Amino acid sequence: MITKLKNFMKDETGQDVVEYSLLLVLIGTVAMIYLTGVGLNISALLQNIGAKLDLVSKAAD
């Protein structure tokens, strides 16, 4: 029983999968945070353009 436990603790076959999955989660989190910031900036830019177009259309009337 002790030897099986020692062999189990020395076995590293699943370690690569765990490391790659943690790396994938980290990359996904960073990408989500970055894209959220970009989305907010684009939204603000489009709102600014819409407000200016609204002013131009009101001035033309």
PDB file of N, CA and C in Angstrom:
ATOM      1  N   MET A   1       0.837  -1.191   0.000  1.00  0.00           N
ATOM      2  CA  MET A   1       0.000   0.000   0.000  1.00  0.00           C
ATOM      3  C   MET A   1       0.880   1.252   0.000  1.00  0.00           C
ATOM      4  N   ILE A   2       1.921   1.262   0.822  1.00  0.00           N
ATOM      5  CA  ILE A   2       2.834   2.409   0.907  1.00  0.00           C
ATOM      6  C   ILE A   2       3.573   2.600  -0.408  1.00  0.00           C
ATOM      7  N   THR A   3       3.981   1.493  -1.043  1.00  0.00           N
ATOM      8  CA  THR A   3       4.708   1.617  -2.307  1.00  0.00           C
ATOM      9  C   THR A   3       3.794   2.158  -3.408  1.00  0.00           C
ATOM     10  N   LYS A   4       2.524   1.762  -3.406  1.00  0.00           N
ATOM     11  CA  LYS A   4       1.583   2.297  -4.390  1.00  0.00           C
ATOM     12  C   LYS A   4       1.389   3.797  -4.196  1.00  0.00           C
ATOM     13  N   LEU A   5       1.312   4.233  -2.935  1.00  0.00           N
ATOM     14  CA  LEU A   5       1.164   5.650  -2.647  1.00  0.00           C
ATOM     15  C   LEU A   5       2.402   6.427  -3.075  1.00  0.00           C
ATOM     16  N   LYS A   6       3.580   5.887  -2.836  1.00  0.00           N
ATOM     17  CA  LYS A   6       4.821   6.542  -3.254  1.00  0.00           C
ATOM     18  C   LYS A   6       4.897   6.632  -4.779  1.00  0.00           C
ATOM     19  N   ASN A   7       4.507   5.552  -5.468  1.00  0.00           N
ATOM     20  CA  ASN A   7       4.505   5.565  -6.933  1.00  0.00           C
ATOM     21  C   ASN A   7       3.501   6.575  -7.463  1.00  0.00           C
ATOM     22  N   PHE A   8       2.350   6.674  -6.815  1.00  0.00           N
ATOM     23  CA  PHE A   8       1.344   7.641  -7.232  1.00  0.00           C
ATOM     24  C   PHE A   8       1.865   9.062  -7.063  1.00  0.00           C
ATOM     25  N   MET A   9       2.569   9.346  -5.998  1.00  0.00           N
ATOM     26  CA  MET A   9       3.096  10.691  -5.750  1.00  0.00           C
ATOM     27  C   MET A   9       4.220  11.041  -6.726  1.00  0.00           C
ATOM     28  N   LYS A  10       4.958  10.045  -7.204  1.00  0.00           N
ATOM     29  CA  LYS A  10       6.052  10.292  -8.152  1.00  0.00           C
ATOM     30  C   LYS A  10       5.548  10.407  -9.589  1.00  0.00           C
ATOM     31  N   ASP A  11       4.365   9.892  -9.863  1.00  0.00           N
ATOM     32  CA  ASP A  11       3.816   9.888 -11.220  1.00  0.00           C
ATOM     33  C   ASP A  11       3.442  11.304 -11.636  1.00  0.00           C
ATOM     34  N   GLU A  12       3.975  11.779 -12.764  1.00  0.00           N
ATOM     35  CA  GLU A  12       3.736  13.141 -13.238  1.00  0.00           C
ATOM     36  C   GLU A  12       3.080  13.158 -14.617  1.00  0.00           C
ATOM     37  N   THR A  13       2.347  12.121 -14.964  1.00  0.00           N
ATOM     38  CA  THR A  13       1.786  12.046 -16.313  1.00  0.00           C
ATOM     39  C   THR A  13       0.699  13.082 -16.558  1.00  0.00           C
ATOM     40  N   GLY A  14      -0.071  13.462 -15.565  1.00  0.00           N
ATOM     41  CA  GLY A  14      -1.138  14.434 -15.757  1.00  0.00           C
ATOM     42  C   GLY A  14      -0.716  15.861 -15.493  1.00  0.00           C
ATOM     43  N   GLN A  15       0.522  16.063 -15.120  1.00  0.00           N
ATOM     44  CA  GLN A  15       0.994  17.395 -14.752  1.00  0.00           C
ATOM     45  C   GLN A  15       0.982  18.354 -15.941  1.00  0.00           C
ATOM     46  N   ASP A  16       1.344  17.893 -17.111  1.00  0.00           N
ATOM     47  CA  ASP A  16       1.365  18.758 -18.291  1.00  0.00           C
ATOM     48  C   ASP A  16      -0.033  19.273 -18.629  1.00  0.00           C
ATOM     49  N   VAL A  17      -1.029  18.427 -18.505  1.00  0.00           N
ATOM     50  CA  VAL A  17      -2.399  18.824 -18.812  1.00  0.00           C
ATOM     51  C   VAL A  17      -2.845  19.928 -17.863  1.00  0.00           C
ATOM     52  N   VAL A  18      -2.523  19.803 -16.604  1.00  0.00           N
ATOM     53  CA  VAL A  18      -2.898  20.817 -15.613  1.00  0.00           C
ATOM     54  C   VAL A  18      -2.181  22.131 -15.909  1.00  0.00           C
ATOM     55  N   GLU A  19      -0.912  22.066 -16.229  1.00  0.00           N
ATOM     56  CA  GLU A  19      -0.154  23.284 -16.517  1.00  0.00           C
ATOM     57  C   GLU A  19      -0.689  23.987 -17.757  1.00  0.00           C
ATOM     58  N   TYR A  20      -0.979  23.228 -18.813  1.00  0.00           N
ATOM     59  CA  TYR A  20      -1.510  23.833 -20.034  1.00  0.00           C
ATOM     60  C   TYR A  20      -2.901  24.410 -19.816  1.00  0.00           C
ATOM     61  N   SER A  21      -3.712  23.737 -19.019  1.00  0.00           N
ATOM     62  CA  SER A  21      -5.054  24.269 -18.765  1.00  0.00           C
ATOM     63  C   SER A  21      -4.983  25.539 -17.933  1.00  0.00           C
ATOM     64  N   LEU A  22      -4.086  25.615 -16.970  1.00  0.00           N
ATOM     65  CA  LEU A  22      -3.920  26.848 -16.195  1.00  0.00           C
ATOM     66  C   LEU A  22      -3.410  27.982 -17.076  1.00  0.00           C
ATOM     67  N   LEU A  23      -2.504  27.674 -17.978  1.00  0.00           N
ATOM     68  CA  LEU A  23      -1.995  28.680 -18.908  1.00  0.00           C
ATOM     69  C   LEU A  23      -3.108  29.168 -19.828  1.00  0.00           C
ATOM     70  N   LEU A  24      -3.946  28.256 -20.293  1.00  0.00           N
ATOM     71  CA  LEU A  24      -5.067  28.617 -21.148  1.00  0.00           C
ATOM     72  C   LEU A  24      -6.070  29.497 -20.413  1.00  0.00           C
ATOM     73  N   VAL A  25      -6.331  29.191 -19.160  1.00  0.00           N
ATOM     74  CA  VAL A  25      -7.239  30.029 -18.356  1.00  0.00           C
ATOM     75  C   VAL A  25      -6.643  31.419 -18.164  1.00  0.00           C
ATOM     76  N   LEU A  26      -5.357  31.505 -17.921  1.00  0.00           N
ATOM     77  CA  LEU A  26      -4.697  32.807 -17.752  1.00  0.00           C
ATOM     78  C   LEU A  26      -4.780  33.626 -19.037  1.00  0.00           C
ATOM     79  N   ILE A  27      -4.488  33.011 -20.163  1.00  0.00           N
ATOM     80  CA  ILE A  27      -4.550  33.724 -21.447  1.00  0.00           C
ATOM     81  C   ILE A  27      -5.986  34.163 -21.735  1.00  0.00           C
ATOM     82  N   GLY A  28      -6.947  33.311 -21.472  1.00  0.00           N
ATOM     83  CA  GLY A  28      -8.347  33.654 -21.683  1.00  0.00           C
ATOM     84  C   GLY A  28      -8.799  34.814 -20.812  1.00  0.00           C
ATOM     85  N   THR A  29      -8.353  34.826 -19.567  1.00  0.00           N
ATOM     86  CA  THR A  29      -8.718  35.912 -18.655  1.00  0.00           C
ATOM     87  C   THR A  29      -8.130  37.230 -19.120  1.00  0.00           C
ATOM     88  N   VAL A  30      -6.880  37.220 -19.506  1.00  0.00           N
ATOM     89  CA  VAL A  30      -6.234  38.451 -19.989  1.00  0.00           C
ATOM     90  C   VAL A  30      -6.924  38.939 -21.261  1.00  0.00           C
ATOM     91  N   ALA A  31      -7.250  38.033 -22.153  1.00  0.00           N
ATOM     92  CA  ALA A  31      -7.932  38.425 -23.399  1.00  0.00           C
ATOM     93  C   ALA A  31      -9.307  39.012 -23.111  1.00  0.00           C
ATOM     94  N   MET A  32     -10.035  38.425 -22.161  1.00  0.00           N
ATOM     95  CA  MET A  32     -11.352  38.944 -21.811  1.00  0.00           C
ATOM     96  C   MET A  32     -11.254  40.347 -21.215  1.00  0.00           C
ATOM     97  N   ILE A  33     -10.302  40.566 -20.335  1.00  0.00           N
ATOM     98  CA  ILE A  33     -10.135  41.886 -19.734  1.00  0.00           C
ATOM     99  C   ILE A  33      -9.751  42.907 -20.793  1.00  0.00           C
ATOM    100  N   TYR A  34      -8.841  42.537 -21.684  1.00  0.00           N
ATOM    101  CA  TYR A  34      -8.404  43.448 -22.741  1.00  0.00           C
ATOM    102  C   TYR A  34      -9.559  43.785 -23.685  1.00  0.00           C
ATOM    103  N   LEU A  35     -10.301  42.763 -24.113  1.00  0.00           N
ATOM    104  CA  LEU A  35     -11.400  42.994 -25.054  1.00  0.00           C
ATOM    105  C   LEU A  35     -12.536  43.789 -24.416  1.00  0.00           C
ATOM    106  N   THR A  36     -12.741  43.628 -23.119  1.00  0.00           N
ATOM    107  CA  THR A  36     -13.745  44.436 -22.429  1.00  0.00           C
ATOM    108  C   THR A  36     -13.347  45.901 -22.461  1.00  0.00           C
ATOM    109  N   GLY A  37     -12.083  46.183 -22.200  1.00  0.00           N
ATOM    110  CA  GLY A  37     -11.601  47.567 -22.260  1.00  0.00           C
ATOM    111  C   GLY A  37     -11.702  48.152 -23.652  1.00  0.00           C
ATOM    112  N   VAL A  38     -11.355  47.371 -24.647  1.00  0.00           N
ATOM    113  CA  VAL A  38     -11.452  47.836 -26.032  1.00  0.00           C
ATOM    114  C   VAL A  38     -12.915  48.086 -26.392  1.00  0.00           C
ATOM    115  N   GLY A  39     -13.789  47.207 -25.963  1.00  0.00           N
ATOM    116  CA  GLY A  39     -15.213  47.368 -26.240  1.00  0.00           C
ATOM    117  C   GLY A  39     -15.777  48.628 -25.614  1.00  0.00           C
ATOM    118  N   LEU A  40     -15.352  48.927 -24.399  1.00  0.00           N
ATOM    119  CA  LEU A  40     -15.819  50.147 -23.741  1.00  0.00           C
ATOM    120  C   LEU A  40     -15.309  51.385 -24.465  1.00  0.00           C
ATOM    121  N   ASN A  41     -14.062  51.345 -24.927  1.00  0.00           N
ATOM    122  CA  ASN A  41     -13.514  52.486 -25.674  1.00  0.00           C
ATOM    123  C   ASN A  41     -14.243  52.680 -27.000  1.00  0.00           C
ATOM    124  N   ILE A  42     -14.533  51.593 -27.690  1.00  0.00           N
ATOM    125  CA  ILE A  42     -15.257  51.694 -28.959  1.00  0.00           C
ATOM    126  C   ILE A  42     -16.671  52.217 -28.718  1.00  0.00           C
ATOM    127  N   SER A  43     -17.298  51.758 -27.655  1.00  0.00           N
ATOM    128  CA  SER A  43     -18.646  52.222 -27.322  1.00  0.00           C
ATOM    129  C   SER A  43     -18.642  53.723 -27.055  1.00  0.00           C
ATOM    130  N   ALA A  44     -17.668  54.203 -26.290  1.00  0.00           N
ATOM    131  CA  ALA A  44     -17.578  55.635 -26.004  1.00  0.00           C
ATOM    132  C   ALA A  44     -17.321  56.430 -27.286  1.00  0.00           C
ATOM    133  N   LEU A  45     -16.477  55.902 -28.156  1.00  0.00           N
ATOM    134  CA  LEU A  45     -16.184  56.572 -29.422  1.00  0.00           C
ATOM    135  C   LEU A  45     -17.435  56.676 -30.294  1.00  0.00           C
ATOM    136  N   LEU A  46     -18.188  55.579 -30.391  1.00  0.00           N
ATOM    137  CA  LEU A  46     -19.398  55.594 -31.201  1.00  0.00           C
ATOM    138  C   LEU A  46     -20.468  56.515 -30.611  1.00  0.00           C
ATOM    139  N   GLN A  47     -20.554  56.589 -29.290  1.00  0.00           N
ATOM    140  CA  GLN A  47     -21.502  57.510 -28.661  1.00  0.00           C
ATOM    141  C   GLN A  47     -21.113  58.953 -28.944  1.00  0.00           C
ATOM    142  N   ASN A  48     -19.828  59.237 -28.922  1.00  0.00           N
ATOM    143  CA  ASN A  48     -19.330  60.579 -29.227  1.00  0.00           C
ATOM    144  C   ASN A  48     -19.653  60.948 -30.679  1.00  0.00           C
ATOM    145  N   ILE A  49     -19.428  60.024 -31.594  1.00  0.00           N
ATOM    146  CA  ILE A  49     -19.741  60.275 -33.002  1.00  0.00           C
ATOM    147  C   ILE A  49     -21.248  60.480 -33.181  1.00  0.00           C
ATOM    148  N   GLY A  50     -22.047  59.678 -32.504  1.00  0.00           N
ATOM    149  CA  GLY A  50     -23.498  59.822 -32.586  1.00  0.00           C
ATOM    150  C   GLY A  50     -23.975  61.157 -32.065  1.00  0.00           C
ATOM    151  N   ALA A  51     -23.377  61.626 -30.975  1.00  0.00           N
ATOM    152  CA  ALA A  51     -23.763  62.927 -30.421  1.00  0.00           C
ATOM    153  C   ALA A  51     -23.400  64.053 -31.390  1.00  0.00           C
ATOM    154  N   LYS A  52     -22.238  63.957 -32.019  1.00  0.00           N
ATOM    155  CA  LYS A  52     -21.837  64.996 -32.974  1.00  0.00           C
ATOM    156  C   LYS A  52     -22.739  64.967 -34.212  1.00  0.00           C
ATOM    157  N   LEU A  53     -23.094  63.786 -34.676  1.00  0.00           N
ATOM    158  CA  LEU A  53     -24.001  63.698 -35.817  1.00  0.00           C
ATOM    159  C   LEU A  53     -25.381  64.250 -35.467  1.00  0.00           C
ATOM    160  N   ASP A  54     -25.817  64.040 -34.248  1.00  0.00           N
ATOM    161  CA  ASP A  54     -27.091  64.581 -33.792  1.00  0.00           C
ATOM    162  C   ASP A  54     -27.053  66.104 -33.789  1.00  0.00           C
ATOM    163  N   LEU A  55     -25.929  66.682 -33.334  1.00  0.00           N
ATOM    164  CA  LEU A  55     -25.778  68.143 -33.338  1.00  0.00           C
ATOM    165  C   LEU A  55     -25.783  68.694 -34.762  1.00  0.00           C
ATOM    166  N   VAL A  56     -25.117  67.993 -35.673  1.00  0.00           N
ATOM    167  CA  VAL A  56     -25.057  68.436 -37.062  1.00  0.00           C
ATOM    168  C   VAL A  56     -26.440  68.371 -37.691  1.00  0.00           C
ATOM    169  N   SER A  57     -27.188  67.296 -37.418  1.00  0.00           N
ATOM    170  CA  SER A  57     -28.527  67.181 -38.004  1.00  0.00           C
ATOM    171  C   SER A  57     -29.485  68.230 -37.447  1.00  0.00           C
ATOM    172  N   LYS A  58     -29.328  68.582 -36.177  1.00  0.00           N
ATOM    173  CA  LYS A  58     -30.167  69.626 -35.582  1.00  0.00           C
ATOM    174  C   LYS A  58     -29.811  70.999 -36.141  1.00  0.00           C
ATOM    175  N   ALA A  59     -28.526  71.211 -36.412  1.00  0.00           N
ATOM    176  CA  ALA A  59     -28.079  72.500 -36.956  1.00  0.00           C
ATOM    177  C   ALA A  59     -28.544  72.650 -38.400  1.00  0.00           C
ATOM    178  N   ALA A  60     -28.662  71.528 -39.115  1.00  0.00           N
ATOM    179  CA  ALA A  60     -29.080  71.585 -40.518  1.00  0.00           C
ATOM    180  C   ALA A  60     -30.574  71.863 -40.641  1.00  0.00           C
ATOM    181  N   ASP A  61     -31.344  71.539 -39.621  1.00  0.00           N
ATOM    182  CA  ASP A  61     -32.790  71.784 -39.661  1.00  0.00           C
ATOM    183  C   ASP A  61     -33.036  73.218 -39.460  1.00  0.00           C
TER     184      ASP A  61
END
